[in-house]
Amino acid sequence: MIMHKVRVTKEFSFEMAHALEGHDGQCRYIHGHSYHLSVTVIGVPIQDAGSPKNGMVIDFADLKALVKETVLDPLDHSLVLFEQSQFLEQVKSWTGQKVVLTPYNPTCENLVIDFAKRIRTALPQGTQLYRLILRETQTGYAEWYASDNG
């Protein structure tokens, strides 16, 4: 029997603010975006008539739960700042706010790399991350491909 690989994509939206430390333009200020994340995985559909996942690479509900746990819950409606941000002193006094510090400047490119790491480690066996697209604005996005990253 020929094993056909299939790509499956699920799309997500979330709200997040950030500031780009050292940026020479407007993005150095705290500002927010409505992000759109497309997650594509690849695998061979399960061929087991006794499995409730028969015919699926991954159940869309399972992929949704995985991305929700690894990316959305930690970052949706948060302020993401580089751990060496100029705003650290100010945000320390903010109570009840969702502030996330990262070891990297939270550019769209660095975020998509981080998301790839988070999602890859959580995927079920036999399913691989193929591609991520993180759309920061209607006209700007970053892409991550497994084939580019080993």
Protein backbone atom coordinates (compact mmCIF):
# COMPACT_ATOMS: atom_id res chain seq x y z
CA MET A 1 0.00 0.00 0.00
CA ILE A 2 1.30 3.46 -0.91
CA MET A 3 1.60 5.78 2.07
CA HIS A 4 0.48 9.24 1.02
CA LYS A 5 1.65 12.22 3.04
CA VAL A 6 -0.92 14.93 3.56
CA ARG A 7 -0.54 18.49 4.88
CA VAL A 8 -3.18 19.76 7.27
CA THR A 9 -3.54 23.45 8.20
CA LYS A 10 -5.38 25.14 11.05
CA GLU A 11 -5.59 28.92 11.42
CA PHE A 12 -5.69 30.98 14.60
CA SER A 13 -6.10 34.62 15.61
CA PHE A 14 -4.91 36.33 18.76
CA GLU A 15 -4.16 39.79 20.11
CA MET A 16 -0.74 40.74 21.41
CA ALA A 17 1.27 43.87 22.13
CA HIS A 18 5.02 44.24 21.95
CA ALA A 19 7.83 46.76 21.59
CA LEU A 20 10.98 46.21 19.58
CA GLU A 21 14.00 47.15 21.65
CA GLY A 22 16.49 49.30 19.75
CA HIS A 23 14.27 49.66 16.68
CA ASP A 24 14.86 52.86 14.70
CA GLY A 25 11.19 53.44 13.88
CA GLN A 26 7.70 53.48 15.41
CA CYS A 27 7.93 49.83 16.51
CA ARG A 28 10.20 50.79 19.42
CA TYR A 29 7.04 51.98 21.19
CA ILE A 30 4.58 49.61 22.84
CA HIS A 31 1.90 48.79 20.28
CA GLY A 32 -0.41 45.90 19.45
CA HIS A 33 -1.43 43.67 16.57
CA SER A 34 -4.18 41.27 15.65
CA TYR A 35 -2.00 38.29 14.75
CA HIS A 36 -3.02 35.44 12.47
CA LEU A 37 -1.14 32.16 12.74
CA SER A 38 -1.38 29.36 10.17
CA VAL A 39 -0.04 26.02 11.38
CA THR A 40 0.59 23.30 8.80
CA VAL A 41 1.57 19.78 9.81
CA ILE A 42 2.42 16.84 7.57
CA GLY A 43 1.99 13.13 8.02
CA VAL A 44 0.42 9.96 6.75
CA PRO A 45 -3.29 9.58 7.60
CA ILE A 46 -3.94 6.92 10.23
CA GLN A 47 -5.08 3.70 8.59
CA ASP A 48 -6.77 1.86 11.44
CA ALA A 49 -10.48 1.14 11.14
CA GLY A 50 -10.67 0.76 14.93
CA SER A 51 -9.22 4.19 15.62
CA PRO A 52 -11.47 7.21 16.18
CA LYS A 53 -8.79 9.15 14.23
CA ASN A 54 -8.93 6.80 11.22
CA GLY A 55 -8.15 8.69 8.02
CA MET A 56 -6.68 11.71 9.84
CA VAL A 57 -3.13 13.04 9.98
CA ILE A 58 -4.20 14.86 13.15
CA ASP A 59 -7.64 15.71 14.45
CA PHE A 60 -8.25 19.45 13.93
CA ALA A 61 -9.54 19.60 17.52
CA ASP A 62 -6.26 18.10 18.80
CA LEU A 63 -4.19 20.55 16.76
CA LYS A 64 -6.32 23.42 18.05
CA ALA A 65 -5.83 22.31 21.66
CA LEU A 66 -2.07 21.91 21.16
CA VAL A 67 -1.63 25.42 19.68
CA LYS A 68 -3.95 26.90 22.29
CA GLU A 69 -1.85 25.40 25.11
CA THR A 70 1.60 26.18 23.67
CA VAL A 71 1.08 29.57 21.99
CA LEU A 72 -2.32 31.18 22.49
CA ASP A 73 -2.89 30.75 26.22
CA PRO A 74 0.56 32.10 27.15
CA LEU A 75 0.53 35.03 24.68
CA ASP A 76 -3.02 36.09 23.76
CA HIS A 77 -3.81 39.55 25.16
CA SER A 78 -0.32 39.93 26.57
CA LEU A 79 2.48 42.44 26.30
CA VAL A 80 5.64 40.72 25.08
CA LEU A 81 8.95 42.42 25.77
CA PHE A 82 12.62 41.54 25.37
CA GLU A 83 13.98 40.65 28.81
CA GLN A 84 16.40 43.59 28.50
CA SER A 85 13.68 46.06 27.49
CA GLN A 86 13.83 49.71 28.41
CA PHE A 87 10.25 49.33 29.72
CA LEU A 88 11.08 46.75 32.43
CA GLU A 89 11.12 49.21 35.31
CA GLN A 90 7.70 50.58 34.35
CA VAL A 91 6.01 47.20 33.85
CA LYS A 92 7.30 45.84 37.18
CA SER A 93 4.77 48.09 38.92
CA TRP A 94 1.85 46.92 36.77
CA THR A 95 -0.33 44.52 38.71
CA GLY A 96 -2.78 42.15 37.11
CA GLN A 97 -1.25 42.61 33.67
CA LYS A 98 -0.09 39.80 31.39
CA VAL A 99 3.52 40.70 30.63
CA VAL A 100 5.72 38.07 29.00
CA LEU A 101 9.49 38.52 28.84
CA THR A 102 11.46 36.76 26.12
CA PRO A 103 15.20 36.12 25.67
CA TYR A 104 14.86 37.64 22.19
CA ASN A 105 13.56 40.85 20.65
CA PRO A 106 9.90 39.97 19.87
CA THR A 107 9.97 40.61 16.13
CA CYS A 108 7.60 38.68 13.90
CA GLU A 109 10.58 36.59 12.74
CA ASN A 110 11.72 35.71 16.25
CA LEU A 111 8.18 34.95 17.37
CA VAL A 112 7.59 32.49 14.52
CA ILE A 113 10.86 30.68 15.40
CA ASP A 114 9.74 30.47 19.04
CA PHE A 115 6.30 29.18 18.02
CA ALA A 116 7.90 26.49 15.84
CA LYS A 117 9.92 25.24 18.82
CA ARG A 118 6.86 25.19 21.07
CA ILE A 119 4.63 23.40 18.58
CA ARG A 120 7.22 20.90 17.30
CA THR A 121 7.85 19.48 20.75
CA ALA A 122 4.12 19.04 21.45
CA LEU A 123 3.08 17.28 18.22
CA PRO A 124 2.07 13.62 18.41
CA GLN A 125 4.40 10.98 17.03
CA GLY A 126 4.09 10.56 13.26
CA THR A 127 3.09 14.19 12.75
CA GLN A 128 5.66 16.83 11.84
CA LEU A 129 5.48 20.59 11.69
CA TYR A 130 5.71 21.60 8.04
CA ARG A 131 5.14 25.36 8.01
CA LEU A 132 4.10 28.33 10.11
CA ILE A 133 2.91 31.67 8.83
CA LEU A 134 2.64 34.46 11.38
CA ARG A 135 0.81 37.44 9.96
CA GLU A 136 1.48 40.57 12.02
CA THR A 137 -0.44 42.96 9.77
CA GLN A 138 -2.60 42.61 6.67
CA THR A 139 0.46 43.08 4.49
CA GLY A 140 3.32 41.76 6.61
CA TYR A 141 4.15 38.26 7.81
CA ALA A 142 6.96 35.84 8.57
CA GLU A 143 7.14 32.22 7.42
CA TRP A 144 8.93 29.24 8.96
CA TYR A 145 9.46 26.02 7.00
CA ALA A 146 10.80 22.76 8.45
CA SER A 147 12.69 22.14 5.20
CA ASP A 148 14.71 25.31 5.85
CA ASN A 149 15.48 24.37 9.44
CA GLY A 150 16.42 20.70 9.50
